[in-house]
């Protein structure tokens, strides 16, 4: 992988289809297909896979409920979807052929560059930025529904100069959240892809295995971090200020 930007595989009219877009479509198809398949085969006495999925969902639901209380039903679908999508997208880069099968394109007079047909979704900054923007947009929609438009705007706008200054800092904070979420995910996955390509090009057997195991852990951790931060942002922003102050007093 020689460039930060994803590469165009085909063009439909004026729309360019990149290798990360193709990978995203495959990840979506895998998640939707798996959900539909197993939803028609649910059993009262679950088998191993069903039991594992139900346990995972229960853990996430209980965790979110302990933080967000009555808002869990609104927050849980977003958090769980982010976790599953990012996890599968991260791990898809470890599949044989992803990032290594494609066509060569001339880059200069004598140099050739491999353009892979598929490239991990989260190794593209456009994709991680889009995920972060969806997370931020959903967070603010949930906040408006939970506390009302008046209280929501009161976080950022006020006739009191001090409160107005704090509101400006809050707006800056929301922007930095998007930047932080997108660059953290992109940086870890892109760096992992570069390391794997470098090691694999030097040592084709055995040595890349520990790095593959490390990338599995990194993929899992980054999916969990993104989901948990989204949960925290949603829970905090959908809590009225007086409840936050009350919670702070209880902690003291």
C-alpha atoms as a PDB file:
ATOM      1  CA  UNK A   1       0.000   0.000   0.000  1.00  0.00           C
ATOM      2  CA  UNK A   2       1.896   3.002  -1.255  1.00  0.00           C
ATOM      3  CA  UNK A   3      -0.549   5.868  -0.783  1.00  0.00           C
ATOM      4  CA  UNK A   4      -2.888   7.196   1.866  1.00  0.00           C
ATOM      5  CA  UNK A   5      -5.671   7.648  -0.679  1.00  0.00           C
ATOM      6  CA  UNK A   6      -7.746   4.717  -1.888  1.00  0.00           C
ATOM      7  CA  UNK A   7      -7.429   3.769  -5.561  1.00  0.00           C
ATOM      8  CA  UNK A   8     -10.179   3.881  -8.184  1.00  0.00           C
ATOM      9  CA  UNK A   9     -11.093   0.450  -9.542  1.00  0.00           C
ATOM     10  CA  UNK A  10     -13.906   1.395 -11.905  1.00  0.00           C
ATOM     11  CA  UNK A  11     -16.034   4.385 -12.851  1.00  0.00           C
ATOM     12  CA  UNK A  12     -19.827   4.414 -13.192  1.00  0.00           C
ATOM     13  CA  UNK A  13     -20.723   7.634 -14.973  1.00  0.00           C
ATOM     14  CA  UNK A  14     -19.162  10.361 -12.858  1.00  0.00           C
ATOM     15  CA  UNK A  15     -19.002   8.138  -9.761  1.00  0.00           C
ATOM     16  CA  UNK A  16     -15.624   6.605  -8.938  1.00  0.00           C
ATOM     17  CA  UNK A  17     -15.731   3.221  -7.198  1.00  0.00           C
ATOM     18  CA  UNK A  18     -12.604   2.740  -5.094  1.00  0.00           C
ATOM     19  CA  UNK A  19     -11.204  -0.446  -3.595  1.00  0.00           C
ATOM     20  CA  UNK A  20     -12.256   0.651  -0.093  1.00  0.00           C
ATOM     21  CA  UNK A  21     -15.822   1.184  -1.317  1.00  0.00           C
ATOM     22  CA  UNK A  22     -15.860  -2.359  -2.725  1.00  0.00           C
ATOM     23  CA  UNK A  23     -14.526  -3.670   0.576  1.00  0.00           C
ATOM     24  CA  UNK A  24     -17.219  -1.727   2.456  1.00  0.00           C
ATOM     25  CA  UNK A  25     -19.929  -3.264   0.294  1.00  0.00           C
ATOM     26  CA  UNK A  26     -18.568  -6.752   1.001  1.00  0.00           C
ATOM     27  CA  UNK A  27     -18.449  -6.057   4.754  1.00  0.00           C
ATOM     28  CA  UNK A  28     -22.037  -4.772   4.644  1.00  0.00           C
ATOM     29  CA  UNK A  29     -23.138  -7.837   2.676  1.00  0.00           C
ATOM     30  CA  UNK A  30     -21.420 -10.155   5.161  1.00  0.00           C
ATOM     31  CA  UNK A  31     -23.060  -8.495   8.183  1.00  0.00           C
ATOM     32  CA  UNK A  32     -26.530  -8.274   6.645  1.00  0.00           C
ATOM     33  CA  UNK A  33     -26.330 -11.784   5.221  1.00  0.00           C
ATOM     34  CA  UNK A  34     -25.223 -13.241   8.557  1.00  0.00           C
ATOM     35  CA  UNK A  35     -27.976 -11.376  10.424  1.00  0.00           C
ATOM     36  CA  UNK A  36     -30.692 -12.546   8.031  1.00  0.00           C
ATOM     37  CA  UNK A  37     -29.399 -16.126   7.984  1.00  0.00           C
ATOM     38  CA  UNK A  38     -29.276 -16.566  11.742  1.00  0.00           C
ATOM     39  CA  UNK A  39     -32.451 -14.578  12.438  1.00  0.00           C
ATOM     40  CA  UNK A  40     -34.364 -17.346  10.664  1.00  0.00           C
ATOM     41  CA  UNK A  41     -32.590 -20.062  12.641  1.00  0.00           C
ATOM     42  CA  UNK A  42     -32.870 -18.812  16.211  1.00  0.00           C
ATOM     43  CA  UNK A  43     -33.467 -21.543  18.772  1.00  0.00           C
ATOM     44  CA  UNK A  44     -34.790 -21.493  22.316  1.00  0.00           C
ATOM     45  CA  UNK A  45     -31.806 -23.613  23.311  1.00  0.00           C
ATOM     46  CA  UNK A  46     -28.971 -21.735  21.556  1.00  0.00           C
ATOM     47  CA  UNK A  47     -26.063 -23.431  19.860  1.00  0.00           C
ATOM     48  CA  UNK A  48     -22.482 -22.252  20.357  1.00  0.00           C
ATOM     49  CA  UNK A  49     -22.537 -19.386  17.823  1.00  0.00           C
ATOM     50  CA  UNK A  50     -25.955 -18.098  18.870  1.00  0.00           C
ATOM     51  CA  UNK A  51     -24.951 -18.298  22.525  1.00  0.00           C
ATOM     52  CA  UNK A  52     -21.754 -16.315  21.838  1.00  0.00           C
ATOM     53  CA  UNK A  53     -23.650 -13.588  19.952  1.00  0.00           C
ATOM     54  CA  UNK A  54     -26.333 -13.329  22.637  1.00  0.00           C
ATOM     55  CA  UNK A  55     -23.672 -13.099  25.341  1.00  0.00           C
ATOM     56  CA  UNK A  56     -21.859 -10.336  23.424  1.00  0.00           C
ATOM     57  CA  UNK A  57     -25.088  -8.378  22.968  1.00  0.00           C
ATOM     58  CA  UNK A  58     -26.003  -8.819  26.630  1.00  0.00           C
ATOM     59  CA  UNK A  59     -22.608  -7.527  27.771  1.00  0.00           C
ATOM     60  CA  UNK A  60     -22.861  -4.428  25.580  1.00  0.00           C
ATOM     61  CA  UNK A  61     -26.484  -3.789  26.552  1.00  0.00           C
ATOM     62  CA  UNK A  62     -25.754  -4.090  30.276  1.00  0.00           C
ATOM     63  CA  UNK A  63     -22.717  -1.829  30.000  1.00  0.00           C
ATOM     64  CA  UNK A  64     -24.629   0.874  28.129  1.00  0.00           C
ATOM     65  CA  UNK A  65     -27.577   0.578  30.519  1.00  0.00           C
ATOM     66  CA  UNK A  66     -25.275   1.135  33.507  1.00  0.00           C
ATOM     67  CA  UNK A  67     -24.038   4.368  31.913  1.00  0.00           C
ATOM     68  CA  UNK A  68     -27.015   5.740  29.987  1.00  0.00           C
ATOM     69  CA  UNK A  69     -29.914   4.384  32.102  1.00  0.00           C
ATOM     70  CA  UNK A  70     -33.236   4.957  30.287  1.00  0.00           C
ATOM     71  CA  UNK A  71     -31.507   6.036  27.025  1.00  0.00           C
ATOM     72  CA  UNK A  72     -30.029   2.587  26.449  1.00  0.00           C
ATOM     73  CA  UNK A  73     -32.609   1.628  23.796  1.00  0.00           C
ATOM     74  CA  UNK A  74     -31.635   4.643  21.698  1.00  0.00           C
ATOM     75  CA  UNK A  75     -27.884   4.366  22.157  1.00  0.00           C
ATOM     76  CA  UNK A  76     -27.400   0.595  21.991  1.00  0.00           C
ATOM     77  CA  UNK A  77     -28.199   0.108  18.249  1.00  0.00           C
ATOM     78  CA  UNK A  78     -25.601   2.701  17.226  1.00  0.00           C
ATOM     79  CA  UNK A  79     -22.879   1.403  19.537  1.00  0.00           C
ATOM     80  CA  UNK A  80     -23.413  -2.233  18.571  1.00  0.00           C
ATOM     81  CA  UNK A  81     -23.517  -1.416  14.850  1.00  0.00           C
ATOM     82  CA  UNK A  82     -20.310   0.620  15.022  1.00  0.00           C
ATOM     83  CA  UNK A  83     -18.540  -2.168  16.913  1.00  0.00           C
ATOM     84  CA  UNK A  84     -19.556  -4.970  14.542  1.00  0.00           C
ATOM     85  CA  UNK A  85     -18.967  -2.992  11.339  1.00  0.00           C
ATOM     86  CA  UNK A  86     -15.549  -1.652  12.375  1.00  0.00           C
ATOM     87  CA  UNK A  87     -14.451  -5.023  13.754  1.00  0.00           C
ATOM     88  CA  UNK A  88     -15.298  -6.893  10.529  1.00  0.00           C
ATOM     89  CA  UNK A  89     -13.848  -4.062   8.409  1.00  0.00           C
ATOM     90  CA  UNK A  90     -10.593  -4.171  10.389  1.00  0.00           C
ATOM     91  CA  UNK A  91     -10.277  -7.952  10.237  1.00  0.00           C
ATOM     92  CA  UNK A  92     -11.155  -8.053   6.526  1.00  0.00           C
ATOM     93  CA  UNK A  93      -7.682  -6.700   5.817  1.00  0.00           C
ATOM     94  CA  UNK A  94      -6.201  -9.969   7.104  1.00  0.00           C
ATOM     95  CA  UNK A  95      -8.066 -12.116   4.581  1.00  0.00           C
ATOM     96  CA  UNK A  96      -5.984 -13.612   1.767  1.00  0.00           C
ATOM     97  CA  UNK A  97      -6.141 -11.456  -1.359  1.00  0.00           C
ATOM     98  CA  UNK A  98      -7.261  -8.262   0.338  1.00  0.00           C
ATOM     99  CA  UNK A  99      -4.588  -5.696  -0.457  1.00  0.00           C
ATOM    100  CA  UNK A 100      -2.486  -8.175  -2.433  1.00  0.00           C
ATOM    101  CA  UNK A 101      -4.542  -9.143  -5.518  1.00  0.00           C
ATOM    102  CA  UNK A 102      -5.089  -6.503  -8.164  1.00  0.00           C
ATOM    103  CA  UNK A 103      -3.486  -5.014 -11.236  1.00  0.00           C
ATOM    104  CA  UNK A 104      -0.317  -3.060 -11.866  1.00  0.00           C
ATOM    105  CA  UNK A 105      -0.336   0.561 -12.918  1.00  0.00           C
ATOM    106  CA  UNK A 106       2.653   2.450 -14.302  1.00  0.00           C
ATOM    107  CA  UNK A 107       3.909   5.075 -11.883  1.00  0.00           C
ATOM    108  CA  UNK A 108       6.576   6.990 -13.769  1.00  0.00           C
ATOM    109  CA  UNK A 109       8.681   5.645 -16.603  1.00  0.00           C
ATOM    110  CA  UNK A 110       9.862   2.349 -15.147  1.00  0.00           C
ATOM    111  CA  UNK A 111       8.023   1.945 -11.823  1.00  0.00           C
ATOM    112  CA  UNK A 112       4.913  -0.163 -11.391  1.00  0.00           C
ATOM    113  CA  UNK A 113       2.440   0.139  -8.525  1.00  0.00           C
ATOM    114  CA  UNK A 114       0.030  -2.573  -7.416  1.00  0.00           C
ATOM    115  CA  UNK A 115      -3.577  -1.397  -7.299  1.00  0.00           C
ATOM    116  CA  UNK A 116      -5.457  -3.940  -5.144  1.00  0.00           C
ATOM    117  CA  UNK A 117      -9.075  -4.762  -5.947  1.00  0.00           C
ATOM    118  CA  UNK A 118      -9.893  -4.686  -2.252  1.00  0.00           C
ATOM    119  CA  UNK A 119      -8.417  -2.552   0.504  1.00  0.00           C
ATOM    120  CA  UNK A 120      -9.504  -2.497   4.169  1.00  0.00           C
ATOM    121  CA  UNK A 121     -12.263   0.079   4.665  1.00  0.00           C
ATOM    122  CA  UNK A 122     -10.728   1.595   7.782  1.00  0.00           C
ATOM    123  CA  UNK A 123      -7.331   2.097   6.129  1.00  0.00           C
ATOM    124  CA  UNK A 124      -8.940   4.947   4.187  1.00  0.00           C
ATOM    125  CA  UNK A 125      -9.246   8.280   6.046  1.00  0.00           C
ATOM    126  CA  UNK A 126     -12.407   9.078   4.057  1.00  0.00           C
ATOM    127  CA  UNK A 127     -14.114   6.028   5.577  1.00  0.00           C
ATOM    128  CA  UNK A 128     -13.025   6.675   9.164  1.00  0.00           C
ATOM    129  CA  UNK A 129     -13.978  10.352   8.858  1.00  0.00           C
ATOM    130  CA  UNK A 130     -17.408   9.324   7.575  1.00  0.00           C
ATOM    131  CA  UNK A 131     -17.847   6.961  10.534  1.00  0.00           C
ATOM    132  CA  UNK A 132     -16.828   9.725  12.957  1.00  0.00           C
ATOM    133  CA  UNK A 133     -19.265  12.190  11.355  1.00  0.00           C
ATOM    134  CA  UNK A 134     -22.120   9.667  11.565  1.00  0.00           C
ATOM    135  CA  UNK A 135     -21.237   9.089  15.216  1.00  0.00           C
ATOM    136  CA  UNK A 136     -21.244  12.836  15.942  1.00  0.00           C
ATOM    137  CA  UNK A 137     -24.473  13.481  14.016  1.00  0.00           C
ATOM    138  CA  UNK A 138     -26.279  10.608  15.753  1.00  0.00           C
ATOM    139  CA  UNK A 139     -24.984  11.818  19.134  1.00  0.00           C
ATOM    140  CA  UNK A 140     -26.473  15.278  18.668  1.00  0.00           C
ATOM    141  CA  UNK A 141     -29.793  13.925  17.365  1.00  0.00           C
ATOM    142  CA  UNK A 142     -30.101  11.678  20.428  1.00  0.00           C
ATOM    143  CA  UNK A 143     -29.200  14.630  22.674  1.00  0.00           C
ATOM    144  CA  UNK A 144     -31.903  16.835  21.134  1.00  0.00           C
ATOM    145  CA  UNK A 145     -34.518  14.096  21.516  1.00  0.00           C
ATOM    146  CA  UNK A 146     -33.474  13.406  25.109  1.00  0.00           C
ATOM    147  CA  UNK A 147     -33.143  16.902  26.592  1.00  0.00           C
ATOM    148  CA  UNK A 148     -35.027  19.087  24.104  1.00  0.00           C
ATOM    149  CA  UNK A 149     -33.821  21.706  21.646  1.00  0.00           C
ATOM    150  CA  UNK A 150     -33.822  24.522  24.246  1.00  0.00           C
ATOM    151  CA  UNK A 151     -31.499  22.766  26.696  1.00  0.00           C
ATOM    152  CA  UNK A 152     -29.389  21.472  23.826  1.00  0.00           C
ATOM    153  CA  UNK A 153     -28.772  24.961  22.423  1.00  0.00           C
ATOM    154  CA  UNK A 154     -28.186  26.201  25.981  1.00  0.00           C
ATOM    155  CA  UNK A 155     -24.979  24.143  26.052  1.00  0.00           C
ATOM    156  CA  UNK A 156     -23.493  26.336  23.327  1.00  0.00           C
ATOM    157  CA  UNK A 157     -25.371  29.659  23.338  1.00  0.00           C
ATOM    158  CA  UNK A 158     -25.892  32.028  26.247  1.00  0.00           C
ATOM    159  CA  UNK A 159     -26.209  35.748  27.000  1.00  0.00           C
ATOM    160  CA  UNK A 160     -23.803  35.227  29.883  1.00  0.00           C
ATOM    161  CA  UNK A 161     -20.269  35.916  28.536  1.00  0.00           C
ATOM    162  CA  UNK A 162     -18.722  33.182  30.673  1.00  0.00           C
ATOM    163  CA  UNK A 163     -21.289  30.574  29.607  1.00  0.00           C
ATOM    164  CA  UNK A 164     -20.908  31.698  25.990  1.00  0.00           C
ATOM    165  CA  UNK A 165     -17.143  31.194  26.204  1.00  0.00           C
ATOM    166  CA  UNK A 166     -17.695  27.712  27.640  1.00  0.00           C
ATOM    167  CA  UNK A 167     -20.151  27.049  24.794  1.00  0.00           C
ATOM    168  CA  UNK A 168     -17.498  27.982  22.228  1.00  0.00           C
ATOM    169  CA  UNK A 169     -15.094  25.573  23.901  1.00  0.00           C
ATOM    170  CA  UNK A 170     -17.808  22.891  23.717  1.00  0.00           C
ATOM    171  CA  UNK A 171     -18.158  23.461  19.973  1.00  0.00           C
ATOM    172  CA  UNK A 172     -14.386  23.178  19.517  1.00  0.00           C
ATOM    173  CA  UNK A 173     -14.502  20.008  21.619  1.00  0.00           C
ATOM    174  CA  UNK A 174     -17.132  18.469  19.314  1.00  0.00           C
ATOM    175  CA  UNK A 175     -14.922  19.150  16.291  1.00  0.00           C
ATOM    176  CA  UNK A 176     -11.873  17.618  17.954  1.00  0.00           C
ATOM    177  CA  UNK A 177     -13.932  14.515  18.825  1.00  0.00           C
ATOM    178  CA  UNK A 178     -14.565  13.895  15.123  1.00  0.00           C
ATOM    179  CA  UNK A 179     -10.898  14.423  14.265  1.00  0.00           C
ATOM    180  CA  UNK A 180      -9.750  12.209  17.129  1.00  0.00           C
ATOM    181  CA  UNK A 181     -12.138   9.340  16.309  1.00  0.00           C
ATOM    182  CA  UNK A 182     -11.287   9.327  12.604  1.00  0.00           C
ATOM    183  CA  UNK A 183      -7.488   9.686  12.870  1.00  0.00           C
ATOM    184  CA  UNK A 184      -7.126   7.185  15.733  1.00  0.00           C
ATOM    185  CA  UNK A 185      -8.899   4.445  13.790  1.00  0.00           C
ATOM    186  CA  UNK A 186      -7.273   5.286  10.465  1.00  0.00           C
ATOM    187  CA  UNK A 187      -3.756   5.606  11.903  1.00  0.00           C
ATOM    188  CA  UNK A 188      -3.777   2.263  13.703  1.00  0.00           C
ATOM    189  CA  UNK A 189      -5.208   0.255  10.800  1.00  0.00           C
ATOM    190  CA  UNK A 190      -3.140   1.944   8.079  1.00  0.00           C
ATOM    191  CA  UNK A 191       0.066   1.510  10.098  1.00  0.00           C
ATOM    192  CA  UNK A 192      -0.753  -2.158  10.635  1.00  0.00           C
ATOM    193  CA  UNK A 193      -1.251  -2.684   6.902  1.00  0.00           C
ATOM    194  CA  UNK A 194       2.100  -1.062   6.137  1.00  0.00           C
ATOM    195  CA  UNK A 195       3.885  -3.200   8.747  1.00  0.00           C
ATOM    196  CA  UNK A 196       2.311  -6.413   7.439  1.00  0.00           C
ATOM    197  CA  UNK A 197       3.228  -5.600   3.838  1.00  0.00           C
ATOM    198  CA  UNK A 198       6.804  -4.761   4.808  1.00  0.00           C
ATOM    199  CA  UNK A 199       7.326  -7.883   6.913  1.00  0.00           C
ATOM    200  CA  UNK A 200       5.615 -10.161   4.365  1.00  0.00           C
ATOM    201  CA  UNK A 201       7.750  -8.821   1.535  1.00  0.00           C
ATOM    202  CA  UNK A 202      10.919  -9.706   3.467  1.00  0.00           C
ATOM    203  CA  UNK A 203       9.883 -12.927   5.220  1.00  0.00           C
ATOM    204  CA  UNK A 204       7.063 -14.878   3.593  1.00  0.00           C
ATOM    205  CA  UNK A 205       6.873 -17.716   6.132  1.00  0.00           C
ATOM    206  CA  UNK A 206       6.393 -17.856   9.933  1.00  0.00           C
ATOM    207  CA  UNK A 207       7.675 -14.375  10.870  1.00  0.00           C
ATOM    208  CA  UNK A 208       4.495 -12.545   9.718  1.00  0.00           C
ATOM    209  CA  UNK A 209       2.322 -14.771  11.984  1.00  0.00           C
ATOM    210  CA  UNK A 210       2.935 -12.812  15.235  1.00  0.00           C
ATOM    211  CA  UNK A 211       2.175  -9.589  13.377  1.00  0.00           C
ATOM    212  CA  UNK A 212      -1.073 -11.102  12.098  1.00  0.00           C
ATOM    213  CA  UNK A 213      -2.054 -12.004  15.660  1.00  0.00           C
ATOM    214  CA  UNK A 214      -1.170  -8.482  16.770  1.00  0.00           C
ATOM    215  CA  UNK A 215      -3.366  -7.014  14.027  1.00  0.00           C
ATOM    216  CA  UNK A 216      -6.293  -9.152  15.192  1.00  0.00           C
ATOM    217  CA  UNK A 217      -5.916  -7.656  18.669  1.00  0.00           C
ATOM    218  CA  UNK A 218      -5.506  -4.121  17.280  1.00  0.00           C
ATOM    219  CA  UNK A 219      -8.588  -4.539  15.097  1.00  0.00           C
ATOM    220  CA  UNK A 220     -10.649  -5.688  18.073  1.00  0.00           C
ATOM    221  CA  UNK A 221      -9.355  -2.963  20.379  1.00  0.00           C
ATOM    222  CA  UNK A 222      -9.921  -0.166  17.867  1.00  0.00           C
ATOM    223  CA  UNK A 223     -13.481  -1.310  17.194  1.00  0.00           C
ATOM    224  CA  UNK A 224     -14.128  -1.426  20.933  1.00  0.00           C
ATOM    225  CA  UNK A 225     -12.542   2.002  21.524  1.00  0.00           C
ATOM    226  CA  UNK A 226     -14.632   3.641  18.788  1.00  0.00           C
ATOM    227  CA  UNK A 227     -17.845   2.055  20.089  1.00  0.00           C
ATOM    228  CA  UNK A 228     -17.148   2.891  23.743  1.00  0.00           C
ATOM    229  CA  UNK A 229     -16.219   6.503  22.990  1.00  0.00           C
ATOM    230  CA  UNK A 230     -19.409   6.875  20.949  1.00  0.00           C
ATOM    231  CA  UNK A 231     -21.380   5.467  23.876  1.00  0.00           C
ATOM    232  CA  UNK A 232     -19.723   7.894  26.294  1.00  0.00           C
ATOM    233  CA  UNK A 233     -20.331  10.911  24.043  1.00  0.00           C
ATOM    234  CA  UNK A 234     -23.982   9.957  23.550  1.00  0.00           C
ATOM    235  CA  UNK A 235     -24.564   9.353  27.251  1.00  0.00           C
ATOM    236  CA  UNK A 236     -22.908  12.623  28.327  1.00  0.00           C
ATOM    237  CA  UNK A 237     -24.519  14.852  25.713  1.00  0.00           C
ATOM    238  CA  UNK A 238     -28.012  13.433  26.308  1.00  0.00           C
ATOM    239  CA  UNK A 239     -27.779  14.112  30.060  1.00  0.00           C
ATOM    240  CA  UNK A 240     -29.193  17.481  31.278  1.00  0.00           C
ATOM    241  CA  UNK A 241     -26.727  19.722  33.096  1.00  0.00           C
ATOM    242  CA  UNK A 242     -28.580  19.505  36.399  1.00  0.00           C
ATOM    243  CA  UNK A 243     -28.384  15.690  36.316  1.00  0.00           C
ATOM    244  CA  UNK A 244     -24.640  15.891  35.578  1.00  0.00           C
ATOM    245  CA  UNK A 245     -24.165  18.188  38.569  1.00  0.00           C
ATOM    246  CA  UNK A 246     -26.244  15.877  40.759  1.00  0.00           C
ATOM    247  CA  UNK A 247     -24.187  12.859  39.660  1.00  0.00           C
ATOM    248  CA  UNK A 248     -20.996  14.778  40.441  1.00  0.00           C
ATOM    249  CA  UNK A 249     -22.252  15.562  43.952  1.00  0.00           C
ATOM    250  CA  UNK A 250     -23.101  11.917  44.536  1.00  0.00           C
ATOM    251  CA  UNK A 251     -19.606  10.879  43.487  1.00  0.00           C
ATOM    252  CA  UNK A 252     -18.101  13.418  45.875  1.00  0.00           C
END
